[in-house]
Amino acid sequence: MTPEERALFEKRRRGRNIAIMLALLALTVIFYFVGMSRILRG
């Protein structure tokens, strides 16, 4: 693998990792607020 290909591969992987992290964070926030609303409602 050439250095250019390696840099492109790492850039794509980093972007995908950031997207996965944001998706997991969004799900965590959603579940947190849903859980809190259920607890507060009784």
PDB file of N, CA and C in Angstrom:
ATOM      1  N   MET A   1       0.859  -1.181   0.000  1.00  0.00           N
ATOM      2  CA  MET A   1       0.000   0.000   0.000  1.00  0.00           C
ATOM      3  C   MET A   1       0.902   1.239   0.000  1.00  0.00           C
ATOM      4  N   THR A   2       0.613   2.143  -0.907  1.00  0.00           N
ATOM      5  CA  THR A   2       1.426   3.355  -1.009  1.00  0.00           C
ATOM      6  C   THR A   2       1.060   4.316   0.125  1.00  0.00           C
ATOM      7  N   PRO A   3       1.942   5.245   0.428  1.00  0.00           N
ATOM      8  CA  PRO A   3       1.626   6.220   1.496  1.00  0.00           C
ATOM      9  C   PRO A   3       0.353   7.010   1.217  1.00  0.00           C
ATOM     10  N   GLU A   4       0.090   7.307  -0.068  1.00  0.00           N
ATOM     11  CA  GLU A   4      -1.131   8.056  -0.402  1.00  0.00           C
ATOM     12  C   GLU A   4      -2.377   7.217  -0.114  1.00  0.00           C
ATOM     13  N   GLU A   5      -2.318   5.932  -0.504  1.00  0.00           N
ATOM     14  CA  GLU A   5      -3.458   5.056  -0.245  1.00  0.00           C
ATOM     15  C   GLU A   5      -3.678   4.888   1.255  1.00  0.00           C
ATOM     16  N   ARG A   6      -2.572   4.752   1.980  1.00  0.00           N
ATOM     17  CA  ARG A   6      -2.666   4.581   3.439  1.00  0.00           C
ATOM     18  C   ARG A   6      -3.294   5.816   4.086  1.00  0.00           C
ATOM     19  N   ALA A   7      -2.889   7.001   3.655  1.00  0.00           N
ATOM     20  CA  ALA A   7      -3.452   8.240   4.211  1.00  0.00           C
ATOM     21  C   ALA A   7      -4.944   8.330   3.916  1.00  0.00           C
ATOM     22  N   LEU A   8      -5.344   7.956   2.691  1.00  0.00           N
ATOM     23  CA  LEU A   8      -6.764   7.997   2.329  1.00  0.00           C
ATOM     24  C   LEU A   8      -7.555   6.993   3.166  1.00  0.00           C
ATOM     25  N   PHE A   9      -6.988   5.803   3.329  1.00  0.00           N
ATOM     26  CA  PHE A   9      -7.639   4.768   4.137  1.00  0.00           C
ATOM     27  C   PHE A   9      -7.826   5.241   5.579  1.00  0.00           C
ATOM     28  N   GLU A  10      -6.783   5.820   6.160  1.00  0.00           N
ATOM     29  CA  GLU A  10      -6.879   6.294   7.540  1.00  0.00           C
ATOM     30  C   GLU A  10      -7.859   7.448   7.672  1.00  0.00           C
ATOM     31  N   LYS A  11      -7.925   8.303   6.672  1.00  0.00           N
ATOM     32  CA  LYS A  11      -8.870   9.424   6.704  1.00  0.00           C
ATOM     33  C   LYS A  11     -10.305   8.908   6.659  1.00  0.00           C
ATOM     34  N   ARG A  12     -10.569   7.920   5.796  1.00  0.00           N
ATOM     35  CA  ARG A  12     -11.913   7.341   5.716  1.00  0.00           C
ATOM     36  C   ARG A  12     -12.282   6.639   7.016  1.00  0.00           C
ATOM     37  N   ARG A  13     -11.321   5.895   7.592  1.00  0.00           N
ATOM     38  CA  ARG A  13     -11.595   5.173   8.832  1.00  0.00           C
ATOM     39  C   ARG A  13     -11.888   6.152   9.959  1.00  0.00           C
ATOM     40  N   ARG A  14     -11.138   7.233  10.018  1.00  0.00           N
ATOM     41  CA  ARG A  14     -11.350   8.235  11.060  1.00  0.00           C
ATOM     42  C   ARG A  14     -12.743   8.857  10.913  1.00  0.00           C
ATOM     43  N   GLY A  15     -13.139   9.161   9.691  1.00  0.00           N
ATOM     44  CA  GLY A  15     -14.464   9.730   9.469  1.00  0.00           C
ATOM     45  C   GLY A  15     -15.574   8.779   9.869  1.00  0.00           C
ATOM     46  N   ARG A  16     -15.379   7.488   9.547  1.00  0.00           N
ATOM     47  CA  ARG A  16     -16.374   6.487   9.912  1.00  0.00           C
ATOM     48  C   ARG A  16     -16.443   6.329  11.430  1.00  0.00           C
ATOM     49  N   ASN A  17     -15.292   6.349  12.088  1.00  0.00           N
ATOM     50  CA  ASN A  17     -15.271   6.231  13.548  1.00  0.00           C
ATOM     51  C   ASN A  17     -15.984   7.400  14.205  1.00  0.00           C
ATOM     52  N   ILE A  18     -15.788   8.597  13.671  1.00  0.00           N
ATOM     53  CA  ILE A  18     -16.462   9.779  14.220  1.00  0.00           C
ATOM     54  C   ILE A  18     -17.973   9.666  14.030  1.00  0.00           C
ATOM     55  N   ALA A  19     -18.400   9.175  12.866  1.00  0.00           N
ATOM     56  CA  ALA A  19     -19.831   9.011  12.602  1.00  0.00           C
ATOM     57  C   ALA A  19     -20.446   7.998  13.562  1.00  0.00           C
ATOM     58  N   ILE A  20     -19.754   6.891  13.801  1.00  0.00           N
ATOM     59  CA  ILE A  20     -20.253   5.875  14.736  1.00  0.00           C
ATOM     60  C   ILE A  20     -20.322   6.442  16.143  1.00  0.00           C
ATOM     61  N   MET A  21     -19.300   7.190  16.534  1.00  0.00           N
ATOM     62  CA  MET A  21     -19.286   7.788  17.863  1.00  0.00           C
ATOM     63  C   MET A  21     -20.465   8.744  18.039  1.00  0.00           C
ATOM     64  N   LEU A  22     -20.729   9.577  17.038  1.00  0.00           N
ATOM     65  CA  LEU A  22     -21.847  10.514  17.141  1.00  0.00           C
ATOM     66  C   LEU A  22     -23.186   9.789  17.202  1.00  0.00           C
ATOM     67  N   ALA A  23     -23.324   8.708  16.438  1.00  0.00           N
ATOM     68  CA  ALA A  23     -24.566   7.932  16.467  1.00  0.00           C
ATOM     69  C   ALA A  23     -24.774   7.306  17.844  1.00  0.00           C
ATOM     70  N   LEU A  24     -23.719   6.739  18.414  1.00  0.00           N
ATOM     71  CA  LEU A  24     -23.829   6.139  19.745  1.00  0.00           C
ATOM     72  C   LEU A  24     -24.137   7.198  20.802  1.00  0.00           C
ATOM     73  N   LEU A  25     -23.520   8.347  20.675  1.00  0.00           N
ATOM     74  CA  LEU A  25     -23.781   9.430  21.622  1.00  0.00           C
ATOM     75  C   LEU A  25     -25.235   9.890  21.521  1.00  0.00           C
ATOM     76  N   ALA A  26     -25.752  10.017  20.299  1.00  0.00           N
ATOM     77  CA  ALA A  26     -27.142  10.421  20.113  1.00  0.00           C
ATOM     78  C   ALA A  26     -28.088   9.393  20.724  1.00  0.00           C
ATOM     79  N   LEU A  27     -27.817   8.106  20.515  1.00  0.00           N
ATOM     80  CA  LEU A  27     -28.663   7.071  21.111  1.00  0.00           C
ATOM     81  C   LEU A  27     -28.611   7.124  22.628  1.00  0.00           C
ATOM     82  N   THR A  28     -27.440   7.356  23.175  1.00  0.00           N
ATOM     83  CA  THR A  28     -27.286   7.451  24.629  1.00  0.00           C
ATOM     84  C   THR A  28     -28.127   8.593  25.178  1.00  0.00           C
ATOM     85  N   VAL A  29     -28.068   9.740  24.525  1.00  0.00           N
ATOM     86  CA  VAL A  29     -28.839  10.904  24.972  1.00  0.00           C
ATOM     87  C   VAL A  29     -30.338  10.621  24.869  1.00  0.00           C
ATOM     88  N   ILE A  30     -30.753  10.000  23.771  1.00  0.00           N
ATOM     89  CA  ILE A  30     -32.177   9.679  23.595  1.00  0.00           C
ATOM     90  C   ILE A  30     -32.650   8.734  24.696  1.00  0.00           C
ATOM     91  N   PHE A  31     -31.894   7.648  24.926  1.00  0.00           N
ATOM     92  CA  PHE A  31     -32.287   6.695  25.964  1.00  0.00           C
ATOM     93  C   PHE A  31     -32.293   7.338  27.347  1.00  0.00           C
ATOM     94  N   TYR A  32     -31.352   8.233  27.589  1.00  0.00           N
ATOM     95  CA  TYR A  32     -31.302   8.915  28.884  1.00  0.00           C
ATOM     96  C   TYR A  32     -32.577   9.731  29.103  1.00  0.00           C
ATOM     97  N   PHE A  33     -32.939  10.533  28.109  1.00  0.00           N
ATOM     98  CA  PHE A  33     -34.118  11.379  28.281  1.00  0.00           C
ATOM     99  C   PHE A  33     -35.407  10.569  28.320  1.00  0.00           C
ATOM    100  N   VAL A  34     -35.486   9.509  27.552  1.00  0.00           N
ATOM    101  CA  VAL A  34     -36.671   8.647  27.612  1.00  0.00           C
ATOM    102  C   VAL A  34     -36.764   8.004  28.986  1.00  0.00           C
ATOM    103  N   GLY A  35     -35.656   7.517  29.493  1.00  0.00           N
ATOM    104  CA  GLY A  35     -35.648   6.906  30.822  1.00  0.00           C
ATOM    105  C   GLY A  35     -36.013   7.895  31.900  1.00  0.00           C
ATOM    106  N   MET A  36     -35.461   9.086  31.839  1.00  0.00           N
ATOM    107  CA  MET A  36     -35.774  10.106  32.852  1.00  0.00           C
ATOM    108  C   MET A  36     -37.241  10.500  32.785  1.00  0.00           C
ATOM    109  N   SER A  37     -37.794  10.627  31.589  1.00  0.00           N
ATOM    110  CA  SER A  37     -39.202  11.006  31.491  1.00  0.00           C
ATOM    111  C   SER A  37     -40.104   9.919  32.041  1.00  0.00           C
ATOM    112  N   ARG A  38     -39.722   8.650  31.846  1.00  0.00           N
ATOM    113  CA  ARG A  38     -40.528   7.553  32.386  1.00  0.00           C
ATOM    114  C   ARG A  38     -40.431   7.529  33.900  1.00  0.00           C
ATOM    115  N   ILE A  39     -39.258   7.796  34.436  1.00  0.00           N
ATOM    116  CA  ILE A  39     -39.087   7.798  35.893  1.00  0.00           C
ATOM    117  C   ILE A  39     -39.870   8.945  36.518  1.00  0.00           C
ATOM    118  N   LEU A  40     -39.785  10.139  35.912  1.00  0.00           N
ATOM    119  CA  LEU A  40     -40.446  11.302  36.470  1.00  0.00           C
ATOM    120  C   LEU A  40     -41.964  11.217  36.371  1.00  0.00           C
ATOM    121  N   ARG A  41     -42.448  10.532  35.319  1.00  0.00           N
ATOM    122  CA  ARG A  41     -43.886  10.359  35.169  1.00  0.00           C
ATOM    123  C   ARG A  41     -44.434   9.362  36.175  1.00  0.00           C
ATOM    124  N   GLY A  42     -43.588   8.443  36.566  1.00  0.00           N
ATOM    125  CA  GLY A  42     -44.032   7.440  37.530  1.00  0.00           C
ATOM    126  C   GLY A  42     -44.526   6.277  36.809  1.00  0.00           C
TER     127      GLY A  42
END
